[in-house]
Amino acid sequence: MTDAGISARGVRRSFGNVHAVRDVSLDARAGAVTGLVGPNGSGKTTLLLILGSLLAPDAGAVRLGGIDPIADPASARAILGWMPDALGAWPSLTARETIVTTGRLYDLDRDVAARRAAELLDTVGLADLADAPARVLSRGQKQRLGLARALVHDPQILLLDEPASGLDPQARVDLRVLLRRLAADGRTILISSHILSELEEVVDDAVFLIAGETVSSERIAAAATRERMWRVRLADRDPQAGALPVAQALGRDVTGIRIDRRDLLVSFASDGEAAAGLTALVGAGLPIAEFAAATGALEQTFLDLEGGQR
């Protein structure tokens, strides 16, 4: 196991006859954002609880910055920032009081905790709501408060469970920018999210979890190289009228071209084949208004892996 970042080997955890985490091994690098991807019930939250020292594994080993969070939870928590899916804050406390109180629990001096609260509330866009009680905050505002609370003691490792849930579009952009900045500072960030398009734009690496097990790199590589759908839209005609000329330009049977609302869906085996297809379409004089992958690489890999379990 490496000393920096997060490492897990052979982690298992069951609840009676329910095997939530069957066999998980992963590494999350320092200075990078690692995505934890999997369907509901795949064991993501259970795994995060184990990594956060809040749940003991039945078997396996975990290290956070070289620290065993089960044997030495106090040391692990000192370098760890944990953001659960739901805030779980004190509803009667204001946003400012929530951060200050959390800072005090990490042994920050009162004045230092107050300064950190002001800085972090500004960072997450809650400065105007600093004195509002947590109970009146929206879901998205509570998520931002949860992130500020996780950052109060300047941790080197962050575990984030669905941090973009409930955020508006601008707040999601701000979150991506903040996470990239935190990673650039050398922090280790492990983030679980169902919003794969958001993960696509922020992660450096991804760990896929299916039925409580991490998927092997060989299976991920195989899934990532399978055919992928691309959207094609012509500027001068509807998709019904555009299907035949697109098929002809690509040298395909028109029955292999699907229609999805205003777009045509065409499969290509690789990015290189897609690039060659675009060249053929332009060369045929077709007015291409849109040519883009229908799904991101993470989503495509996830769908392929999950489909293989059915």
Protein backbone atom coordinates (compact mmCIF):
# COMPACT_ATOMS: atom_id res chain seq x y z
CA MET A 1 0.00 0.00 0.00
CA THR A 2 1.16 3.52 -0.75
CA ASP A 3 1.57 6.06 2.04
CA ALA A 4 -0.09 8.94 0.17
CA GLY A 5 -3.74 9.04 -0.77
CA ILE A 6 -6.24 6.26 -0.16
CA SER A 7 -5.60 2.53 -0.47
CA ALA A 8 -7.93 -0.39 0.13
CA ARG A 9 -7.27 -4.09 -0.35
CA GLY A 10 -9.76 -6.95 -0.15
CA VAL A 11 -12.33 -4.97 1.83
CA ARG A 12 -15.53 -6.79 2.75
CA ARG A 13 -18.58 -5.87 4.83
CA SER A 14 -21.87 -7.70 5.33
CA PHE A 15 -25.03 -6.92 7.27
CA GLY A 16 -26.45 -10.30 8.13
CA ASN A 17 -27.12 -12.03 4.82
CA VAL A 18 -26.67 -8.81 2.84
CA HIS A 19 -23.15 -8.59 1.40
CA ALA A 20 -22.88 -4.84 0.84
CA VAL A 21 -19.15 -4.83 0.06
CA ARG A 22 -17.89 -8.17 -1.23
CA ASP A 23 -14.35 -7.50 -2.43
CA VAL A 24 -13.05 -3.98 -2.95
CA SER A 25 -9.50 -2.95 -3.78
CA LEU A 26 -8.68 0.57 -4.94
CA ASP A 27 -6.16 3.38 -4.92
CA ALA A 28 -6.92 7.10 -4.99
CA ARG A 29 -3.89 9.26 -5.72
CA ALA A 30 -2.87 12.39 -3.87
CA GLY A 31 -3.31 15.44 -6.07
CA ALA A 32 -6.12 13.82 -8.06
CA VAL A 33 -9.90 13.51 -8.08
CA THR A 34 -11.04 9.89 -8.22
CA GLY A 35 -14.64 9.04 -9.07
CA LEU A 36 -16.47 6.17 -7.38
CA VAL A 37 -19.03 4.93 -9.89
CA GLY A 38 -21.72 2.31 -9.47
CA PRO A 39 -25.49 1.71 -9.47
CA ASN A 40 -27.70 2.00 -6.40
CA GLY A 41 -26.95 -0.81 -4.00
CA SER A 42 -23.44 -1.39 -5.31
CA GLY A 43 -21.86 -0.63 -1.91
CA LYS A 44 -20.52 2.89 -2.54
CA THR A 45 -21.86 4.50 0.66
CA THR A 46 -20.88 1.49 2.79
CA LEU A 47 -17.38 1.71 1.37
CA LEU A 48 -17.17 5.45 2.11
CA LEU A 49 -18.28 4.80 5.69
CA ILE A 50 -15.48 2.24 6.04
CA LEU A 51 -12.91 4.60 4.56
CA GLY A 52 -14.16 7.33 6.89
CA SER A 53 -13.57 5.12 9.98
CA LEU A 54 -17.31 5.11 10.72
CA LEU A 55 -17.77 1.42 9.97
CA ALA A 56 -15.36 -1.47 10.54
CA PRO A 57 -14.81 -3.89 7.64
CA ASP A 58 -15.29 -7.60 8.16
CA ALA A 59 -12.04 -8.22 6.27
CA GLY A 60 -9.40 -6.36 4.31
CA ALA A 61 -7.13 -3.40 4.95
CA VAL A 62 -7.56 0.36 4.46
CA ARG A 63 -5.04 3.19 4.68
CA LEU A 64 -5.61 6.95 4.56
CA GLY A 65 -2.31 8.75 4.08
CA GLY A 66 -0.64 5.65 5.51
CA ILE A 67 -2.95 5.59 8.56
CA ASP A 68 -5.21 2.66 9.43
CA PRO A 69 -8.59 4.35 10.15
CA ILE A 70 -9.81 1.39 12.17
CA ALA A 71 -6.77 1.04 14.40
CA ASP A 72 -6.18 4.79 14.73
CA PRO A 73 -9.43 6.62 13.91
CA ALA A 74 -8.42 9.87 15.64
CA SER A 75 -5.32 10.30 13.45
CA ALA A 76 -7.26 9.36 10.32
CA ARG A 77 -10.05 11.83 11.06
CA ALA A 78 -7.51 14.61 11.62
CA ILE A 79 -6.52 14.43 7.93
CA LEU A 80 -9.95 13.48 6.58
CA GLY A 81 -12.88 15.60 5.47
CA TRP A 82 -16.16 13.67 5.21
CA MET A 83 -19.23 14.92 3.38
CA PRO A 84 -22.22 12.55 3.57
CA ASP A 85 -25.10 12.53 1.11
CA ALA A 86 -27.32 14.31 3.66
CA LEU A 87 -26.03 17.17 5.82
CA GLY A 88 -27.15 15.87 9.20
CA ALA A 89 -26.46 19.27 10.75
CA TRP A 90 -27.94 20.88 13.83
CA PRO A 91 -31.13 22.53 12.48
CA SER A 92 -31.28 25.30 15.07
CA LEU A 93 -27.70 26.47 14.41
CA THR A 94 -26.94 29.01 11.73
CA ALA A 95 -24.65 28.18 8.83
CA ARG A 96 -21.88 30.15 10.53
CA GLU A 97 -22.43 28.44 13.89
CA THR A 98 -22.39 25.04 12.17
CA ILE A 99 -18.93 25.67 10.74
CA VAL A 100 -17.57 27.24 13.93
CA THR A 101 -18.88 24.37 16.07
CA THR A 102 -17.38 21.81 13.69
CA GLY A 103 -14.06 23.64 13.81
CA ARG A 104 -14.11 23.60 17.60
CA LEU A 105 -14.71 19.84 17.51
CA TYR A 106 -11.46 19.61 15.54
CA ASP A 107 -9.75 21.62 18.32
CA LEU A 108 -9.50 24.83 16.34
CA ASP A 109 -9.18 27.99 18.43
CA ARG A 110 -12.50 29.90 18.53
CA ASP A 111 -11.11 32.86 16.59
CA VAL A 112 -9.50 30.57 14.02
CA ALA A 113 -12.77 28.65 13.65
CA ALA A 114 -14.66 31.92 13.14
CA ARG A 115 -12.21 33.04 10.43
CA ARG A 116 -12.44 29.64 8.71
CA ALA A 117 -16.24 29.84 8.80
CA ALA A 118 -16.22 33.24 7.09
CA GLU A 119 -13.73 32.05 4.45
CA LEU A 120 -15.52 28.80 3.70
CA LEU A 121 -19.03 30.26 3.59
CA ASP A 122 -17.74 32.72 1.02
CA THR A 123 -16.00 29.92 -0.91
CA VAL A 124 -19.18 27.84 -1.19
CA GLY A 125 -21.43 30.83 -1.93
CA LEU A 126 -23.29 30.96 1.39
CA ALA A 127 -21.96 34.26 2.77
CA ASP A 128 -25.39 35.87 2.41
CA LEU A 129 -26.93 33.03 4.42
CA ALA A 130 -24.28 32.87 7.11
CA ASP A 131 -26.76 33.77 9.86
CA ALA A 132 -29.68 31.71 8.54
CA PRO A 133 -30.55 28.56 10.53
CA ALA A 134 -29.66 25.33 8.75
CA ARG A 135 -33.29 24.17 8.80
CA VAL A 136 -34.35 26.85 6.28
CA LEU A 137 -31.65 26.03 3.73
CA SER A 138 -32.59 24.29 0.50
CA ARG A 139 -31.19 20.86 -0.41
CA GLY A 140 -28.50 22.44 -2.57
CA GLN A 141 -27.58 25.00 0.09
CA LYS A 142 -27.27 22.24 2.67
CA GLN A 143 -24.93 20.39 0.30
CA ARG A 144 -22.73 23.47 0.07
CA LEU A 145 -22.77 23.83 3.86
CA GLY A 146 -21.80 20.17 4.15
CA LEU A 147 -18.81 20.75 1.90
CA ALA A 148 -17.73 23.79 3.93
CA ARG A 149 -18.01 21.74 7.11
CA ALA A 150 -15.85 18.98 5.60
CA LEU A 151 -13.14 21.51 4.76
CA VAL A 152 -13.04 23.36 8.09
CA HIS A 153 -9.88 21.69 9.42
CA ASP A 154 -8.03 21.88 6.07
CA PRO A 155 -7.97 18.09 5.48
CA GLN A 156 -5.61 16.37 3.06
CA ILE A 157 -8.17 13.71 2.10
CA LEU A 158 -11.80 14.32 1.12
CA LEU A 159 -14.58 11.72 0.91
CA LEU A 160 -17.58 13.24 -0.86
CA ASP A 161 -20.87 11.34 -1.22
CA GLU A 162 -23.10 12.89 -3.92
CA PRO A 163 -21.81 16.45 -3.40
CA ALA A 164 -23.58 17.82 -6.51
CA SER A 165 -27.02 16.56 -5.46
CA GLY A 166 -29.50 19.43 -5.40
CA LEU A 167 -27.06 22.01 -6.76
CA ASP A 168 -28.15 24.42 -9.48
CA PRO A 169 -26.08 24.57 -12.72
CA GLN A 170 -23.88 27.48 -11.61
CA ALA A 171 -23.23 25.85 -8.23
CA ARG A 172 -22.16 22.66 -10.03
CA VAL A 173 -19.69 24.62 -12.13
CA ASP A 174 -18.36 26.29 -8.96
CA LEU A 175 -18.02 22.88 -7.30
CA ARG A 176 -15.99 21.51 -10.21
CA VAL A 177 -13.66 24.50 -10.11
CA LEU A 178 -13.22 24.17 -6.33
CA LEU A 179 -12.49 20.43 -6.50
CA ARG A 180 -9.88 20.95 -9.21
CA ARG A 181 -8.24 23.65 -7.10
CA LEU A 182 -8.21 21.43 -4.01
CA ALA A 183 -6.66 18.59 -6.02
CA ALA A 184 -4.04 20.95 -7.44
CA ASP A 185 -3.07 21.74 -3.84
CA GLY A 186 -2.12 18.07 -3.42
CA ARG A 187 -5.26 16.77 -1.73
CA THR A 188 -6.75 13.33 -2.34
CA ILE A 189 -10.41 13.49 -3.35
CA LEU A 190 -12.71 10.47 -3.67
CA ILE A 191 -16.13 11.45 -4.95
CA SER A 192 -19.24 9.31 -5.37
CA SER A 193 -21.95 10.61 -7.71
CA HIS A 194 -24.78 9.42 -9.92
CA ILE A 195 -24.34 12.50 -12.14
CA LEU A 196 -21.80 10.93 -14.45
CA SER A 197 -21.68 13.91 -16.80
CA GLU A 198 -20.49 15.99 -13.84
CA LEU A 199 -17.90 13.41 -12.83
CA GLU A 200 -16.64 13.26 -16.41
CA GLU A 201 -15.57 16.89 -16.23
CA VAL A 202 -13.78 16.75 -12.87
CA VAL A 203 -12.22 13.31 -12.28
CA ASP A 204 -8.72 12.14 -13.16
CA ASP A 205 -9.42 8.46 -12.43
CA ALA A 206 -12.48 6.30 -11.82
CA VAL A 207 -13.19 3.19 -9.76
CA PHE A 208 -16.23 1.14 -10.82
CA LEU A 209 -18.20 -0.78 -8.22
CA ILE A 210 -20.68 -3.47 -9.29
CA ALA A 211 -22.53 -5.66 -6.74
CA GLY A 212 -20.05 -4.76 -4.01
CA GLU A 213 -16.93 -5.55 -6.02
CA THR A 214 -14.42 -3.35 -7.80
CA VAL A 215 -14.30 -4.04 -11.52
CA SER A 216 -10.95 -5.16 -12.89
CA SER A 217 -8.96 -2.81 -15.11
CA GLU A 218 -9.18 -5.39 -17.91
CA ARG A 219 -12.99 -5.35 -17.89
CA ILE A 220 -13.04 -1.55 -17.76
CA ALA A 221 -10.66 -1.32 -20.71
CA ALA A 222 -12.77 -3.78 -22.70
CA ALA A 223 -16.00 -1.89 -21.93
CA ALA A 224 -14.45 1.46 -22.82
CA THR A 225 -13.46 0.25 -26.30
CA ARG A 226 -16.86 -1.06 -27.37
CA GLU A 227 -19.01 0.75 -29.93
CA ARG A 228 -20.34 4.12 -28.86
CA MET A 229 -23.28 6.12 -30.17
CA TRP A 230 -22.74 9.58 -31.65
CA ARG A 231 -25.33 12.28 -32.30
CA VAL A 232 -25.51 13.78 -35.77
CA ARG A 233 -27.76 16.73 -36.62
CA LEU A 234 -28.05 18.40 -40.01
CA ALA A 235 -28.73 22.12 -40.21
CA ASP A 236 -31.10 22.07 -43.18
CA ARG A 237 -33.41 19.09 -42.66
CA ASP A 238 -35.19 17.00 -40.06
CA PRO A 239 -33.77 13.63 -39.00
CA GLN A 240 -36.25 11.64 -41.09
CA ALA A 241 -35.02 13.34 -44.24
CA GLY A 242 -31.40 13.29 -43.12
CA ALA A 243 -31.10 9.58 -42.35
CA LEU A 244 -30.60 8.39 -45.93
CA PRO A 245 -27.92 10.92 -47.01
CA VAL A 246 -26.02 10.33 -43.74
CA ALA A 247 -26.14 6.55 -44.28
CA GLN A 248 -24.99 6.96 -47.88
CA ALA A 249 -22.08 9.24 -46.90
CA LEU A 250 -20.95 6.67 -44.32
CA GLY A 251 -21.47 3.71 -46.63
CA ARG A 252 -24.03 2.11 -44.34
CA ASP A 253 -27.52 0.69 -44.52
CA VAL A 254 -30.07 3.33 -43.47
CA THR A 255 -31.65 0.80 -41.08
CA GLY A 256 -28.53 1.14 -38.92
CA ILE A 257 -29.21 4.86 -38.36
CA ARG A 258 -31.48 5.55 -35.39
CA ILE A 259 -33.58 8.65 -34.82
CA ASP A 260 -33.75 10.32 -31.41
CA ARG A 261 -35.95 13.43 -31.48
CA ARG A 262 -34.09 15.95 -33.68
CA ASP A 263 -30.87 13.90 -33.91
CA LEU A 264 -29.59 10.86 -35.73
CA LEU A 265 -27.72 8.25 -33.70
CA VAL A 266 -24.79 6.55 -35.41
CA SER A 267 -22.47 3.99 -33.82
CA PHE A 268 -18.70 4.10 -34.20
CA ALA A 269 -16.18 1.61 -32.85
CA SER A 270 -13.64 4.24 -31.78
CA ASP A 271 -12.93 7.95 -31.66
CA GLY A 272 -10.76 7.50 -34.75
CA GLU A 273 -13.64 5.91 -36.66
CA ALA A 274 -15.93 8.73 -35.52
CA ALA A 275 -13.41 11.31 -36.79
CA ALA A 276 -13.26 9.52 -40.15
CA GLY A 277 -17.07 9.48 -40.24
CA LEU A 278 -17.23 13.22 -39.66
CA THR A 279 -14.74 13.75 -42.48
CA ALA A 280 -16.94 11.65 -44.79
CA LEU A 281 -20.08 13.58 -43.85
CA VAL A 282 -18.44 16.95 -44.46
CA GLY A 283 -16.88 15.65 -47.67
CA ALA A 284 -20.34 14.68 -48.90
CA GLY A 285 -21.42 18.30 -48.50
CA LEU A 286 -23.80 17.66 -45.62
CA PRO A 287 -24.33 20.70 -43.34
CA ILE A 288 -23.31 19.24 -39.96
CA ALA A 289 -24.77 21.34 -37.14
CA GLU A 290 -23.88 18.86 -34.37
CA PHE A 291 -21.58 15.87 -34.14
CA ALA A 292 -20.92 14.65 -30.60
CA ALA A 293 -20.74 11.52 -28.48
CA ALA A 294 -24.21 10.64 -27.17
CA THR A 295 -22.74 9.60 -23.82
CA GLY A 296 -19.57 10.47 -21.95
CA ALA A 297 -16.82 7.89 -21.60
CA LEU A 298 -17.67 7.25 -17.93
CA GLU A 299 -21.36 6.78 -18.67
CA GLN A 300 -20.65 4.53 -21.63
CA THR A 301 -18.32 2.34 -19.58
CA PHE A 302 -20.77 2.25 -16.66
CA LEU A 303 -23.72 1.25 -18.87
CA ASP A 304 -21.68 -1.46 -20.53
CA LEU A 305 -20.45 -2.87 -17.22
CA GLU A 306 -23.87 -2.77 -15.58
CA GLY A 307 -25.48 -4.32 -18.64
CA GLY A 308 -23.05 -7.19 -18.39
CA GLN A 309 -24.49 -8.06 -14.96
CA ARG A 310 -28.01 -8.59 -16.30
